Each structure stands twice: as C-alpha cells, then as structure tokens.
C-alpha cells in the first residue's frame, strides 16, 4: 500500500462522512498563511477526536499543543452543554493565530488558550486544582510526552480518556537504534504508558493523508 492510496481513501472518508466545514477550512488556511507548520490532525482524525469526546460526555477537556486551533475546534465542538476547554501552546505567535481561529469558529466562550511551556503550565494547573478533566489530548513536542503524561495523570480522574498523537513515527518506534529524538521520545512514552498500572491503554496504528503513525489511547482506572 502507498501513501497515495491512504490519502485517496482519506478523501473518500472525508467526502462521505466528515463533510466540508468552512470554519475548519478557514482555520487551516489562516494557519498556513501565518506560517504555522502543516502538522495538525487530518479531518478524519479530527472527527475521531470529536467522536471520542462525545462518547465520554466530556464537559472538561485539556489539550497540550494548540498550534493553530484546528484540533481544538474539533474537540470544543464536542463538549457537553456548558463544557469548557483549556488548550496549552508554548509559542505566542501560534497562540495568537489559534485565538483568532477559535473566535472565528464561535468557540471563544468555551475555550481558553494558555501560553507557556507545557510542563510549566500543567504544573501550575495542578497546583491550582484545575482538574479533573474528562478528556486530555497530548499533541505537542514529542520529547515532552512522558512529562505531559505524568501531569495528565495528576489532572485526571477515574474514567478520564487520555489520547496522545504521533506515537508510531512511520513505524520507526520498533527500531531502538533510531537516532531521531522524536522516535526515541515516542519509544519512551510508549514504554511509560505500558508500565502504568493506573490505566488501560492501547496504541492504534493510523494511515491516511498524514502518512503512517499512531494514536495512544488510555482510560484511567485508578
């Protein structure tokens, strides 16, 4: 199978099930015009995030890694009535673009963008008692994943769904000699996830317009 075929199947899924969405498309275009890297989730993956948020009736969502607010929009739209979302972005320029995109999508009343290094913001949130969250999505710098997961556990409750993106790295995670820091970070995260007794977890490989990667999904059980 080829990337071209995966992308074609993604287009089929989007056209048939996800449907066009002006606000989301404008978010992607505005992010590109602002020079943000095109590393946001695909439309089909965004729909998956929304399905998962709805499935767990999420009233409080935490996202680590806002970028331009594309995945933020998918998640915020899926909040239960009266729900709130906090999303963390390390780069001020990215946060500014995200705020504009979130406001344009009509979600500014339920989404707060917090700027700062992920671990530092998460530590302040834990100290301030900002949890627990019903769903936590980690999609930021890969070397920080283990630390973000540790904080996610502190900000979770029994039943919280924790999702982490980009944990397969085109299959490179099986190569312990791979020198790419993101591959090694994904390996450390997967090992930490597998060793954590307070969650039931799995990693699902994904293919599509974003290539070959994977999502980690964990439900906190204790």
N, C-alpha and C. Protein backbone atom coordinates (compact mmCIF):
# COMPACT_ATOMS: atom_id res chain seq x y z
N UNK A 1 0.85 -1.20 0.00
CA UNK A 1 0.00 0.00 0.00
C UNK A 1 0.88 1.24 0.00
N UNK A 2 0.36 2.34 -0.53
CA UNK A 2 1.15 3.56 -0.69
C UNK A 2 0.49 4.73 0.02
N UNK A 3 1.29 5.76 0.26
CA UNK A 3 0.76 6.99 0.84
C UNK A 3 -0.33 7.56 -0.05
N UNK A 4 -0.14 7.46 -1.37
CA UNK A 4 -1.14 8.00 -2.30
C UNK A 4 -2.49 7.30 -2.11
N UNK A 5 -2.47 5.98 -1.92
CA UNK A 5 -3.71 5.25 -1.69
C UNK A 5 -4.33 5.65 -0.35
N UNK A 6 -3.50 5.75 0.70
CA UNK A 6 -4.03 6.16 2.00
C UNK A 6 -4.71 7.52 1.90
N UNK A 7 -4.07 8.46 1.19
CA UNK A 7 -4.64 9.80 1.05
C UNK A 7 -5.94 9.76 0.26
N UNK A 8 -5.99 8.91 -0.76
CA UNK A 8 -7.22 8.78 -1.56
C UNK A 8 -8.36 8.23 -0.72
N UNK A 9 -8.07 7.24 0.11
CA UNK A 9 -9.10 6.69 1.00
C UNK A 9 -9.54 7.74 2.01
N UNK A 10 -8.60 8.54 2.52
CA UNK A 10 -8.96 9.63 3.42
C UNK A 10 -9.93 10.59 2.75
N UNK A 11 -9.66 10.94 1.49
CA UNK A 11 -10.56 11.84 0.77
C UNK A 11 -11.95 11.22 0.64
N UNK A 12 -12.00 9.93 0.37
CA UNK A 12 -13.28 9.22 0.29
C UNK A 12 -14.03 9.32 1.62
N UNK A 13 -13.33 9.07 2.72
CA UNK A 13 -13.96 9.12 4.05
C UNK A 13 -14.46 10.53 4.36
N UNK A 14 -13.62 11.52 4.07
CA UNK A 14 -13.99 12.91 4.37
C UNK A 14 -15.21 13.31 3.54
N UNK A 15 -15.19 13.01 2.24
CA UNK A 15 -16.31 13.39 1.38
C UNK A 15 -17.60 12.70 1.79
N UNK A 16 -17.50 11.45 2.22
CA UNK A 16 -18.70 10.67 2.52
C UNK A 16 -19.22 10.90 3.93
N UNK A 17 -18.33 11.05 4.90
CA UNK A 17 -18.72 11.04 6.31
C UNK A 17 -18.43 12.34 7.04
N UNK A 18 -17.24 12.91 6.82
CA UNK A 18 -16.84 14.08 7.60
C UNK A 18 -17.52 15.35 7.09
N UNK A 19 -17.63 15.49 5.77
CA UNK A 19 -18.30 16.61 5.12
C UNK A 19 -17.46 17.89 5.19
N UNK A 20 -17.64 18.78 4.22
CA UNK A 20 -16.91 20.06 4.22
C UNK A 20 -17.33 20.92 5.40
N UNK A 21 -16.40 21.73 5.89
CA UNK A 21 -16.68 22.60 7.03
C UNK A 21 -15.91 23.90 6.83
N UNK A 22 -16.64 25.00 6.59
CA UNK A 22 -16.00 26.27 6.26
C UNK A 22 -15.09 26.76 7.38
N UNK A 23 -15.55 26.68 8.62
CA UNK A 23 -14.76 27.21 9.73
C UNK A 23 -13.45 26.45 9.89
N UNK A 24 -13.51 25.14 9.76
CA UNK A 24 -12.29 24.34 9.89
C UNK A 24 -11.34 24.58 8.72
N UNK A 25 -11.89 24.74 7.53
CA UNK A 25 -11.04 25.00 6.38
C UNK A 25 -10.38 26.37 6.51
N UNK A 26 -11.11 27.36 6.98
CA UNK A 26 -10.52 28.69 7.18
C UNK A 26 -9.43 28.62 8.25
N UNK A 27 -9.66 27.82 9.27
CA UNK A 27 -8.63 27.65 10.31
C UNK A 27 -7.34 27.11 9.71
N UNK A 28 -7.44 26.12 8.85
CA UNK A 28 -6.25 25.55 8.22
C UNK A 28 -5.59 26.58 7.31
N UNK A 29 -6.39 27.32 6.54
CA UNK A 29 -5.84 28.31 5.63
C UNK A 29 -5.16 29.45 6.39
N UNK A 30 -5.80 29.93 7.45
CA UNK A 30 -5.23 31.03 8.23
C UNK A 30 -3.94 30.60 8.91
N UNK A 31 -3.89 29.36 9.36
CA UNK A 31 -2.67 28.84 9.99
C UNK A 31 -1.54 28.77 8.98
N UNK A 32 -1.86 28.32 7.77
CA UNK A 32 -0.84 28.23 6.72
C UNK A 32 -0.33 29.62 6.34
N UNK A 33 -1.24 30.57 6.20
CA UNK A 33 -0.85 31.95 5.85
C UNK A 33 0.02 32.58 6.92
N UNK A 34 -0.19 32.17 8.16
CA UNK A 34 0.60 32.70 9.28
C UNK A 34 1.94 31.99 9.42
N UNK A 35 2.19 31.00 8.57
CA UNK A 35 3.47 30.31 8.59
C UNK A 35 3.56 29.16 9.56
N UNK A 36 2.43 28.72 10.11
CA UNK A 36 2.46 27.59 11.03
C UNK A 36 2.71 26.30 10.24
N UNK A 37 3.43 25.35 10.81
CA UNK A 37 3.66 24.08 10.10
C UNK A 37 2.36 23.31 9.93
N UNK A 38 2.24 22.62 8.81
CA UNK A 38 1.01 21.87 8.50
C UNK A 38 1.07 20.50 9.16
N UNK A 39 1.04 20.49 10.49
CA UNK A 39 1.17 19.22 11.23
C UNK A 39 -0.08 18.94 12.07
N UNK A 40 -1.16 19.67 11.80
CA UNK A 40 -2.39 19.42 12.53
C UNK A 40 -2.97 18.06 12.13
N UNK A 41 -3.88 17.55 12.94
CA UNK A 41 -4.52 16.27 12.61
C UNK A 41 -5.28 16.40 11.30
N UNK A 42 -5.53 15.28 10.66
CA UNK A 42 -6.32 15.27 9.43
C UNK A 42 -7.79 15.47 9.78
N UNK A 43 -8.63 15.82 8.79
CA UNK A 43 -10.07 15.93 9.06
C UNK A 43 -10.67 14.65 9.65
N UNK A 44 -10.28 13.50 9.12
CA UNK A 44 -10.83 12.23 9.65
C UNK A 44 -10.39 12.02 11.09
N UNK A 45 -9.15 12.38 11.40
CA UNK A 45 -8.67 12.27 12.78
C UNK A 45 -9.36 13.28 13.69
N UNK A 46 -9.59 14.47 13.17
CA UNK A 46 -10.33 15.47 13.95
C UNK A 46 -11.73 14.98 14.28
N UNK A 47 -12.38 14.37 13.29
CA UNK A 47 -13.70 13.80 13.54
C UNK A 47 -13.64 12.72 14.60
N UNK A 48 -12.56 11.92 14.57
CA UNK A 48 -12.39 10.88 15.59
C UNK A 48 -12.28 11.50 16.98
N UNK A 49 -11.51 12.57 17.11
CA UNK A 49 -11.40 13.24 18.41
C UNK A 49 -12.78 13.69 18.89
N UNK A 50 -13.57 14.25 17.97
CA UNK A 50 -14.90 14.69 18.34
C UNK A 50 -15.80 13.54 18.75
N UNK A 51 -15.70 12.43 18.04
CA UNK A 51 -16.50 11.24 18.38
C UNK A 51 -16.13 10.74 19.78
N UNK A 52 -14.83 10.69 20.07
CA UNK A 52 -14.38 10.20 21.37
C UNK A 52 -14.82 11.14 22.49
N UNK A 53 -14.75 12.44 22.25
CA UNK A 53 -15.18 13.40 23.27
C UNK A 53 -16.67 13.26 23.54
N UNK A 54 -17.45 13.07 22.50
CA UNK A 54 -18.89 12.88 22.69
C UNK A 54 -19.17 11.55 23.39
N UNK A 55 -18.41 10.53 23.03
CA UNK A 55 -18.65 9.20 23.61
C UNK A 55 -18.45 9.19 25.12
N UNK A 56 -17.51 10.01 25.60
CA UNK A 56 -17.28 10.04 27.05
C UNK A 56 -17.99 11.22 27.71
N UNK A 57 -18.86 11.91 26.96
CA UNK A 57 -19.63 13.00 27.53
C UNK A 57 -18.78 14.10 28.14
N UNK A 58 -17.67 14.42 27.49
CA UNK A 58 -16.69 15.33 28.07
C UNK A 58 -17.26 16.73 28.33
N UNK A 59 -17.16 17.15 29.57
CA UNK A 59 -17.51 18.52 29.96
C UNK A 59 -16.28 19.38 30.19
N UNK A 60 -15.15 18.73 30.44
CA UNK A 60 -13.89 19.44 30.64
C UNK A 60 -12.82 18.74 29.82
N UNK A 61 -12.22 19.48 28.90
CA UNK A 61 -11.20 18.94 28.01
C UNK A 61 -9.92 19.75 28.16
N UNK A 62 -8.80 19.06 28.17
CA UNK A 62 -7.48 19.68 28.21
C UNK A 62 -6.70 19.22 26.98
N UNK A 63 -6.08 20.18 26.31
CA UNK A 63 -5.24 19.88 25.15
C UNK A 63 -3.85 20.44 25.39
N UNK A 64 -2.84 19.63 25.13
CA UNK A 64 -1.45 20.08 25.23
C UNK A 64 -0.90 20.17 23.81
N UNK A 65 -0.76 21.39 23.30
CA UNK A 65 -0.32 21.61 21.94
C UNK A 65 -1.44 22.13 21.06
N UNK A 66 -1.59 23.45 21.02
CA UNK A 66 -2.72 24.06 20.31
C UNK A 66 -2.45 24.22 18.82
N UNK A 67 -1.23 24.62 18.48
CA UNK A 67 -0.86 25.02 17.12
C UNK A 67 -1.84 26.12 16.66
N UNK A 68 -2.58 25.90 15.59
CA UNK A 68 -3.50 26.92 15.11
C UNK A 68 -4.93 26.75 15.57
N UNK A 69 -5.18 25.77 16.42
CA UNK A 69 -6.52 25.58 16.96
C UNK A 69 -7.41 24.66 16.15
N UNK A 70 -6.82 23.89 15.23
CA UNK A 70 -7.64 23.00 14.40
C UNK A 70 -8.23 21.85 15.22
N UNK A 71 -7.39 21.09 15.90
CA UNK A 71 -7.91 20.01 16.74
C UNK A 71 -8.71 20.57 17.91
N UNK A 72 -8.32 21.76 18.36
CA UNK A 72 -9.06 22.44 19.43
C UNK A 72 -10.51 22.62 19.03
N UNK A 73 -10.71 23.05 17.80
CA UNK A 73 -12.07 23.30 17.31
C UNK A 73 -12.88 22.01 17.28
N UNK A 74 -12.28 20.93 16.80
CA UNK A 74 -12.98 19.65 16.78
C UNK A 74 -13.41 19.24 18.18
N UNK A 75 -12.50 19.37 19.13
CA UNK A 75 -12.79 18.95 20.50
C UNK A 75 -13.80 19.87 21.16
N UNK A 76 -13.63 21.16 21.00
CA UNK A 76 -14.53 22.11 21.66
C UNK A 76 -15.96 21.98 21.17
N UNK A 77 -16.13 21.70 19.90
CA UNK A 77 -17.47 21.50 19.36
C UNK A 77 -18.16 20.28 19.97
N UNK A 78 -17.35 19.34 20.46
CA UNK A 78 -17.91 18.10 21.01
C UNK A 78 -18.17 18.17 22.51
N UNK A 79 -17.85 19.30 23.14
CA UNK A 79 -18.10 19.45 24.57
C UNK A 79 -19.58 19.26 24.90
N UNK A 80 -19.83 18.66 26.03
CA UNK A 80 -21.20 18.60 26.53
C UNK A 80 -21.69 20.01 26.84
N UNK A 81 -23.01 20.24 26.86
CA UNK A 81 -23.54 21.57 27.15
C UNK A 81 -22.94 22.14 28.43
N UNK A 82 -22.49 23.39 28.34
CA UNK A 82 -21.88 24.05 29.48
C UNK A 82 -20.42 23.69 29.71
N UNK A 83 -19.86 22.89 28.80
CA UNK A 83 -18.48 22.43 28.97
C UNK A 83 -17.46 23.51 28.67
N UNK A 84 -16.23 23.26 29.13
CA UNK A 84 -15.12 24.20 28.94
C UNK A 84 -13.88 23.42 28.52
N UNK A 85 -13.01 24.11 27.80
CA UNK A 85 -11.77 23.51 27.32
C UNK A 85 -10.61 24.44 27.58
N UNK A 86 -9.49 23.88 28.01
CA UNK A 86 -8.24 24.62 28.14
C UNK A 86 -7.25 23.99 27.18
N UNK A 87 -6.57 24.83 26.38
CA UNK A 87 -5.55 24.34 25.47
C UNK A 87 -4.27 25.12 25.70
N UNK A 88 -3.14 24.42 25.67
CA UNK A 88 -1.84 24.99 26.03
C UNK A 88 -0.96 25.09 24.80
N UNK A 89 -0.38 26.26 24.59
CA UNK A 89 0.51 26.49 23.45
C UNK A 89 1.77 27.21 23.91
N UNK A 90 2.92 26.66 23.55
CA UNK A 90 4.19 27.22 24.00
C UNK A 90 4.60 28.47 23.24
N UNK A 91 4.18 28.60 21.99
CA UNK A 91 4.63 29.72 21.16
C UNK A 91 3.56 30.79 21.08
N UNK A 92 3.96 32.01 21.44
CA UNK A 92 2.99 33.12 21.48
C UNK A 92 2.37 33.38 20.11
N UNK A 93 3.17 33.29 19.05
CA UNK A 93 2.64 33.55 17.71
C UNK A 93 1.59 32.52 17.33
N UNK A 94 1.83 31.27 17.68
CA UNK A 94 0.84 30.22 17.40
C UNK A 94 -0.43 30.46 18.22
N UNK A 95 -0.25 30.83 19.48
CA UNK A 95 -1.41 31.07 20.34
C UNK A 95 -2.28 32.19 19.80
N UNK A 96 -1.65 33.23 19.26
CA UNK A 96 -2.41 34.36 18.71
C UNK A 96 -3.24 33.92 17.52
N UNK A 97 -2.65 33.13 16.63
CA UNK A 97 -3.39 32.60 15.48
C UNK A 97 -4.53 31.71 15.96
N UNK A 98 -4.25 30.88 16.94
CA UNK A 98 -5.28 29.97 17.45
C UNK A 98 -6.46 30.74 18.04
N UNK A 99 -6.17 31.78 18.79
CA UNK A 99 -7.27 32.56 19.38
C UNK A 99 -8.16 33.16 18.30
N UNK A 100 -7.55 33.66 17.24
CA UNK A 100 -8.34 34.21 16.15
C UNK A 100 -9.19 33.12 15.49
N UNK A 101 -8.60 31.97 15.26
CA UNK A 101 -9.34 30.86 14.64
C UNK A 101 -10.46 30.37 15.52
N UNK A 102 -10.19 30.26 16.81
CA UNK A 102 -11.21 29.78 17.76
C UNK A 102 -12.37 30.78 17.83
N UNK A 103 -12.04 32.07 17.86
CA UNK A 103 -13.10 33.10 17.89
C UNK A 103 -13.91 33.07 16.60
N UNK A 104 -13.25 32.91 15.47
CA UNK A 104 -13.93 32.87 14.18
C UNK A 104 -14.88 31.68 14.10
N UNK A 105 -14.51 30.59 14.78
CA UNK A 105 -15.36 29.40 14.79
C UNK A 105 -16.49 29.50 15.81
N UNK A 106 -16.56 30.62 16.54
CA UNK A 106 -17.63 30.82 17.51
C UNK A 106 -17.44 30.06 18.81
N UNK A 107 -16.18 29.81 19.18
CA UNK A 107 -15.90 28.96 20.35
C UNK A 107 -15.17 29.69 21.46
N UNK A 108 -15.00 31.00 21.33
CA UNK A 108 -14.21 31.73 22.32
C UNK A 108 -14.84 31.70 23.71
N UNK A 109 -16.13 31.47 23.78
CA UNK A 109 -16.80 31.45 25.08
C UNK A 109 -16.58 30.16 25.85
N UNK A 110 -16.01 29.16 25.20
CA UNK A 110 -15.81 27.88 25.89
C UNK A 110 -14.37 27.37 25.83
N UNK A 111 -13.48 28.10 25.18
CA UNK A 111 -12.09 27.68 25.05
C UNK A 111 -11.15 28.76 25.59
N UNK A 112 -10.22 28.35 26.44
CA UNK A 112 -9.18 29.24 26.94
C UNK A 112 -7.83 28.75 26.43
N UNK A 113 -7.09 29.64 25.76
CA UNK A 113 -5.74 29.33 25.30
C UNK A 113 -4.75 29.86 26.33
N UNK A 114 -3.97 28.96 26.91
CA UNK A 114 -2.95 29.36 27.88
C UNK A 114 -1.57 29.22 27.24
N UNK A 115 -0.77 30.27 27.34
CA UNK A 115 0.56 30.28 26.75
C UNK A 115 1.60 29.85 27.76
N UNK A 116 2.63 29.15 27.27
CA UNK A 116 3.75 28.77 28.11
C UNK A 116 4.22 27.37 27.81
N UNK A 117 5.37 27.04 28.35
CA UNK A 117 5.89 25.68 28.21
C UNK A 117 4.92 24.70 28.85
N UNK A 118 4.67 23.61 28.14
CA UNK A 118 3.63 22.69 28.57
C UNK A 118 3.77 22.22 30.01
N UNK A 119 4.96 21.76 30.38
CA UNK A 119 5.15 21.22 31.73
C UNK A 119 4.93 22.29 32.79
N UNK A 120 5.36 23.52 32.50
CA UNK A 120 5.21 24.61 33.48
C UNK A 120 3.74 24.97 33.65
N UNK A 121 3.02 25.06 32.55
CA UNK A 121 1.59 25.38 32.64
C UNK A 121 0.84 24.27 33.34
N UNK A 122 1.16 23.03 33.03
CA UNK A 122 0.49 21.90 33.66
C UNK A 122 0.77 21.85 35.15
N UNK A 123 2.00 22.18 35.54
CA UNK A 123 2.34 22.20 36.97
C UNK A 123 1.52 23.25 37.70
N UNK A 124 1.36 24.42 37.09
CA UNK A 124 0.54 25.47 37.71
C UNK A 124 -0.92 25.04 37.80
N UNK A 125 -1.40 24.39 36.77
CA UNK A 125 -2.78 23.93 36.78
C UNK A 125 -3.01 22.92 37.89
N UNK A 126 -2.07 21.99 38.06
CA UNK A 126 -2.21 21.00 39.12
C UNK A 126 -2.18 21.67 40.49
N UNK A 127 -1.29 22.64 40.65
CA UNK A 127 -1.18 23.35 41.92
C UNK A 127 -2.45 24.15 42.22
N UNK A 128 -3.08 24.66 41.17
CA UNK A 128 -4.29 25.47 41.34
C UNK A 128 -5.56 24.63 41.42
N UNK A 129 -5.41 23.31 41.29
CA UNK A 129 -6.58 22.43 41.35
C UNK A 129 -7.50 22.56 40.15
N UNK A 130 -6.92 22.76 38.96
CA UNK A 130 -7.73 22.95 37.76
C UNK A 130 -8.41 21.67 37.25
N UNK A 131 -7.97 20.53 37.70
CA UNK A 131 -8.60 19.29 37.26
C UNK A 131 -9.83 18.95 38.08
N UNK A 132 -10.43 17.79 37.88
CA UNK A 132 -10.02 16.83 36.85
C UNK A 132 -10.66 17.13 35.50
N UNK A 133 -10.03 16.60 34.45
CA UNK A 133 -10.55 16.71 33.10
C UNK A 133 -11.10 15.35 32.66
N UNK A 134 -12.08 15.42 31.77
CA UNK A 134 -12.70 14.20 31.27
C UNK A 134 -11.94 13.61 30.09
N UNK A 135 -11.29 14.48 29.32
CA UNK A 135 -10.51 14.05 28.16
C UNK A 135 -9.28 14.94 28.09
N UNK A 136 -8.12 14.32 27.87
CA UNK A 136 -6.86 15.04 27.74
C UNK A 136 -6.20 14.59 26.45
N UNK A 137 -5.89 15.56 25.57
CA UNK A 137 -5.28 15.27 24.28
C UNK A 137 -3.88 15.85 24.26
N UNK A 138 -2.89 14.99 24.05
CA UNK A 138 -1.48 15.40 24.00
C UNK A 138 -1.01 15.35 22.55
N UNK A 139 -0.62 16.52 22.03
CA UNK A 139 -0.15 16.61 20.64
C UNK A 139 0.81 17.79 20.55
N UNK A 140 1.94 17.66 21.23
CA UNK A 140 2.90 18.76 21.33
C UNK A 140 4.30 18.21 21.02
N UNK A 141 5.33 18.88 21.53
CA UNK A 141 6.70 18.42 21.29
C UNK A 141 6.88 17.01 21.87
N UNK A 142 7.40 16.13 21.06
CA UNK A 142 7.46 14.72 21.46
C UNK A 142 8.39 14.46 22.66
N UNK A 143 9.54 15.15 22.77
CA UNK A 143 10.39 14.91 23.95
C UNK A 143 9.70 15.19 25.28
N UNK A 144 8.63 15.97 25.25
CA UNK A 144 7.91 16.27 26.48
C UNK A 144 6.80 15.30 26.82
N UNK A 145 6.57 14.29 25.97
CA UNK A 145 5.39 13.44 26.14
C UNK A 145 5.33 12.72 27.48
N UNK A 146 6.44 12.17 27.94
CA UNK A 146 6.40 11.43 29.20
C UNK A 146 6.00 12.37 30.33
N UNK A 147 6.58 13.57 30.35
CA UNK A 147 6.24 14.51 31.40
C UNK A 147 4.79 14.97 31.28
N UNK A 148 4.33 15.19 30.08
CA UNK A 148 2.93 15.58 29.89
C UNK A 148 1.99 14.48 30.37
N UNK A 149 2.37 13.25 30.13
CA UNK A 149 1.56 12.13 30.59
C UNK A 149 1.51 12.08 32.11
N UNK A 150 2.64 12.33 32.76
CA UNK A 150 2.66 12.35 34.22
C UNK A 150 1.71 13.41 34.76
N UNK A 151 1.74 14.59 34.17
CA UNK A 151 0.83 15.65 34.61
C UNK A 151 -0.61 15.32 34.26
N UNK A 152 -0.81 14.68 33.11
CA UNK A 152 -2.18 14.29 32.74
C UNK A 152 -2.78 13.38 33.79
N UNK A 153 -1.99 12.45 34.30
CA UNK A 153 -2.49 11.56 35.34
C UNK A 153 -2.89 12.34 36.59
N UNK A 154 -2.14 13.38 36.91
CA UNK A 154 -2.45 14.21 38.09
C UNK A 154 -3.72 15.04 37.87
N UNK A 155 -4.01 15.35 36.61
CA UNK A 155 -5.16 16.19 36.29
C UNK A 155 -6.37 15.36 35.83
N UNK A 156 -6.28 14.06 36.02
CA UNK A 156 -7.33 13.14 35.57
C UNK A 156 -8.15 12.65 36.75
N UNK A 157 -9.15 11.86 36.43
CA UNK A 157 -9.98 11.15 37.40
C UNK A 157 -10.18 9.75 36.87
N UNK A 158 -10.75 8.88 37.67
CA UNK A 158 -11.10 7.56 37.15
C UNK A 158 -12.10 7.74 36.01
N UNK A 159 -11.78 7.19 34.88
CA UNK A 159 -12.63 7.33 33.70
C UNK A 159 -12.13 8.33 32.69
N UNK A 160 -11.15 9.16 33.04
CA UNK A 160 -10.60 10.12 32.08
C UNK A 160 -9.96 9.39 30.90
N UNK A 161 -10.21 9.92 29.71
CA UNK A 161 -9.60 9.40 28.49
C UNK A 161 -8.40 10.27 28.13
N UNK A 162 -7.23 9.65 28.03
CA UNK A 162 -6.00 10.35 27.62
C UNK A 162 -5.62 9.86 26.24
N UNK A 163 -5.41 10.80 25.32
CA UNK A 163 -5.06 10.47 23.93
C UNK A 163 -3.73 11.16 23.61
N UNK A 164 -2.82 10.46 22.98
CA UNK A 164 -1.56 11.04 22.54
C UNK A 164 -1.34 10.73 21.07
N UNK A 165 -0.99 11.74 20.30
CA UNK A 165 -0.82 11.58 18.86
C UNK A 165 0.65 11.34 18.51
N UNK A 166 0.87 10.79 17.32
CA UNK A 166 2.22 10.64 16.74
C UNK A 166 3.14 9.73 17.52
N UNK A 167 2.65 8.57 17.93
CA UNK A 167 3.46 7.68 18.77
C UNK A 167 4.00 6.45 18.03
N UNK A 168 3.83 6.42 16.71
CA UNK A 168 4.35 5.30 15.92
C UNK A 168 5.46 5.75 14.98
N UNK A 169 5.41 7.00 14.50
CA UNK A 169 6.51 7.60 13.74
C UNK A 169 6.88 6.77 12.51
N UNK A 170 5.87 6.52 11.67
CA UNK A 170 6.07 5.74 10.43
C UNK A 170 6.67 4.36 10.71
N UNK A 171 6.40 3.83 11.88
CA UNK A 171 6.88 2.52 12.26
C UNK A 171 8.28 2.52 12.85
N UNK A 172 8.91 3.68 12.92
CA UNK A 172 10.29 3.76 13.39
C UNK A 172 10.43 3.43 14.88
N UNK A 173 9.31 3.42 15.61
CA UNK A 173 9.40 3.14 17.05
C UNK A 173 9.89 1.72 17.35
N UNK A 174 9.85 0.84 16.37
CA UNK A 174 10.34 -0.51 16.65
C UNK A 174 11.86 -0.60 16.56
N UNK A 175 12.49 0.48 16.10
CA UNK A 175 13.95 0.49 15.92
C UNK A 175 14.60 1.19 17.11
N UNK A 176 15.11 0.42 18.05
CA UNK A 176 15.70 1.02 19.25
C UNK A 176 16.99 1.77 18.95
N UNK A 177 17.57 1.55 17.77
CA UNK A 177 18.81 2.24 17.40
C UNK A 177 18.55 3.54 16.63
N UNK A 178 17.31 3.82 16.33
CA UNK A 178 17.00 5.04 15.58
C UNK A 178 17.43 6.26 16.38
N UNK A 179 18.14 7.19 15.74
CA UNK A 179 18.71 8.34 16.44
C UNK A 179 17.81 9.57 16.42
N UNK A 180 16.68 9.49 15.76
CA UNK A 180 15.75 10.64 15.74
C UNK A 180 15.19 10.86 17.14
N UNK A 181 15.32 12.08 17.66
CA UNK A 181 14.87 12.35 19.03
C UNK A 181 13.38 12.15 19.20
N UNK A 182 12.61 12.40 18.14
CA UNK A 182 11.17 12.21 18.25
C UNK A 182 10.80 10.73 18.30
N UNK A 183 11.55 9.92 17.58
CA UNK A 183 11.33 8.48 17.65
C UNK A 183 11.67 7.96 19.04
N UNK A 184 12.80 8.37 19.56
CA UNK A 184 13.18 7.93 20.90
C UNK A 184 12.20 8.43 21.96
N UNK A 185 11.70 9.66 21.77
CA UNK A 185 10.70 10.20 22.70
C UNK A 185 9.42 9.38 22.65
N UNK A 186 9.00 8.99 21.44
CA UNK A 186 7.81 8.16 21.31
C UNK A 186 8.02 6.80 21.96
N UNK A 187 9.20 6.25 21.80
CA UNK A 187 9.50 4.96 22.44
C UNK A 187 9.42 5.08 23.97
N UNK A 188 9.99 6.17 24.52
CA UNK A 188 9.95 6.36 25.97
C UNK A 188 8.51 6.52 26.45
N UNK A 189 7.71 7.26 25.69
CA UNK A 189 6.31 7.44 26.06
C UNK A 189 5.57 6.11 26.03
N UNK A 190 5.74 5.35 24.96
CA UNK A 190 5.03 4.07 24.85
C UNK A 190 5.43 3.12 25.97
N UNK A 191 6.72 3.11 26.31
CA UNK A 191 7.18 2.27 27.41
C UNK A 191 6.57 2.72 28.74
N UNK A 192 6.52 4.03 28.94
CA UNK A 192 5.93 4.56 30.18
C UNK A 192 4.44 4.23 30.24
N UNK A 193 3.76 4.36 29.13
CA UNK A 193 2.34 4.03 29.07
C UNK A 193 2.11 2.56 29.40
N UNK A 194 2.92 1.69 28.82
CA UNK A 194 2.76 0.27 29.05
C UNK A 194 3.05 -0.16 30.48
N UNK A 195 3.85 0.65 31.19
CA UNK A 195 4.21 0.31 32.56
C UNK A 195 3.28 0.93 33.60
N UNK A 196 2.35 1.77 33.17
CA UNK A 196 1.49 2.48 34.12
C UNK A 196 0.31 1.61 34.56
N UNK A 197 0.24 1.24 35.85
CA UNK A 197 -0.82 0.35 36.32
C UNK A 197 -2.17 1.04 36.49
N UNK A 198 -2.19 2.38 36.43
CA UNK A 198 -3.45 3.10 36.68
C UNK A 198 -4.27 3.33 35.42
N UNK A 199 -3.83 2.78 34.29
CA UNK A 199 -4.59 2.96 33.05
C UNK A 199 -4.74 1.63 32.33
N UNK A 200 -5.78 1.56 31.51
CA UNK A 200 -5.90 0.52 30.49
C UNK A 200 -5.68 1.23 29.17
N UNK A 201 -4.71 0.76 28.39
CA UNK A 201 -4.29 1.53 27.22
C UNK A 201 -4.02 0.64 26.02
N UNK A 202 -3.97 1.31 24.86
CA UNK A 202 -3.54 0.65 23.64
C UNK A 202 -2.95 1.71 22.72
N UNK A 203 -2.25 1.25 21.70
CA UNK A 203 -1.77 2.12 20.62
C UNK A 203 -2.33 1.57 19.31
N UNK A 204 -2.96 2.44 18.55
CA UNK A 204 -3.55 2.07 17.27
C UNK A 204 -2.74 2.72 16.15
N UNK A 205 -2.26 1.91 15.21
CA UNK A 205 -1.59 2.48 14.05
C UNK A 205 -2.61 3.18 13.15
N UNK A 206 -2.20 4.29 12.55
CA UNK A 206 -3.07 5.02 11.63
C UNK A 206 -2.35 5.24 10.31
N UNK A 207 -3.12 5.20 9.23
CA UNK A 207 -2.61 5.59 7.92
C UNK A 207 -3.63 6.53 7.30
N UNK A 208 -3.15 7.40 6.41
CA UNK A 208 -4.04 8.35 5.77
C UNK A 208 -3.24 9.46 5.14
N UNK A 209 -3.88 10.62 4.98
CA UNK A 209 -3.21 11.75 4.34
C UNK A 209 -2.00 12.22 5.13
N UNK A 210 -1.94 11.91 6.43
CA UNK A 210 -0.79 12.29 7.25
C UNK A 210 0.29 11.22 7.25
N UNK A 211 0.11 10.15 6.49
CA UNK A 211 1.10 9.09 6.44
C UNK A 211 0.83 8.00 7.46
N UNK A 212 1.89 7.30 7.87
CA UNK A 212 1.80 6.18 8.80
C UNK A 212 2.22 6.65 10.18
N UNK A 213 1.30 6.58 11.14
CA UNK A 213 1.61 6.99 12.50
C UNK A 213 0.70 6.22 13.46
N UNK A 214 0.38 6.81 14.59
CA UNK A 214 -0.48 6.10 15.53
C UNK A 214 -0.93 6.96 16.68
N UNK A 215 -2.00 6.53 17.29
CA UNK A 215 -2.59 7.18 18.46
C UNK A 215 -2.52 6.26 19.65
N UNK A 216 -2.14 6.81 20.79
CA UNK A 216 -2.24 6.08 22.05
C UNK A 216 -3.53 6.51 22.73
N UNK A 217 -4.27 5.54 23.26
CA UNK A 217 -5.50 5.81 23.98
C UNK A 217 -5.44 5.11 25.33
N UNK A 218 -5.74 5.84 26.38
CA UNK A 218 -5.67 5.26 27.73
C UNK A 218 -6.85 5.75 28.56
N UNK A 219 -7.48 4.86 29.27
CA UNK A 219 -8.53 5.21 30.21
C UNK A 219 -7.98 5.02 31.62
N UNK A 220 -8.12 6.06 32.45
CA UNK A 220 -7.63 5.99 33.82
C UNK A 220 -8.57 5.11 34.63
N UNK A 221 -8.01 4.14 35.31
CA UNK A 221 -8.81 3.18 36.08
C UNK A 221 -8.59 3.25 37.58
N UNK A 222 -7.59 3.98 38.02
CA UNK A 222 -7.33 4.06 39.45
C UNK A 222 -6.30 5.10 39.79
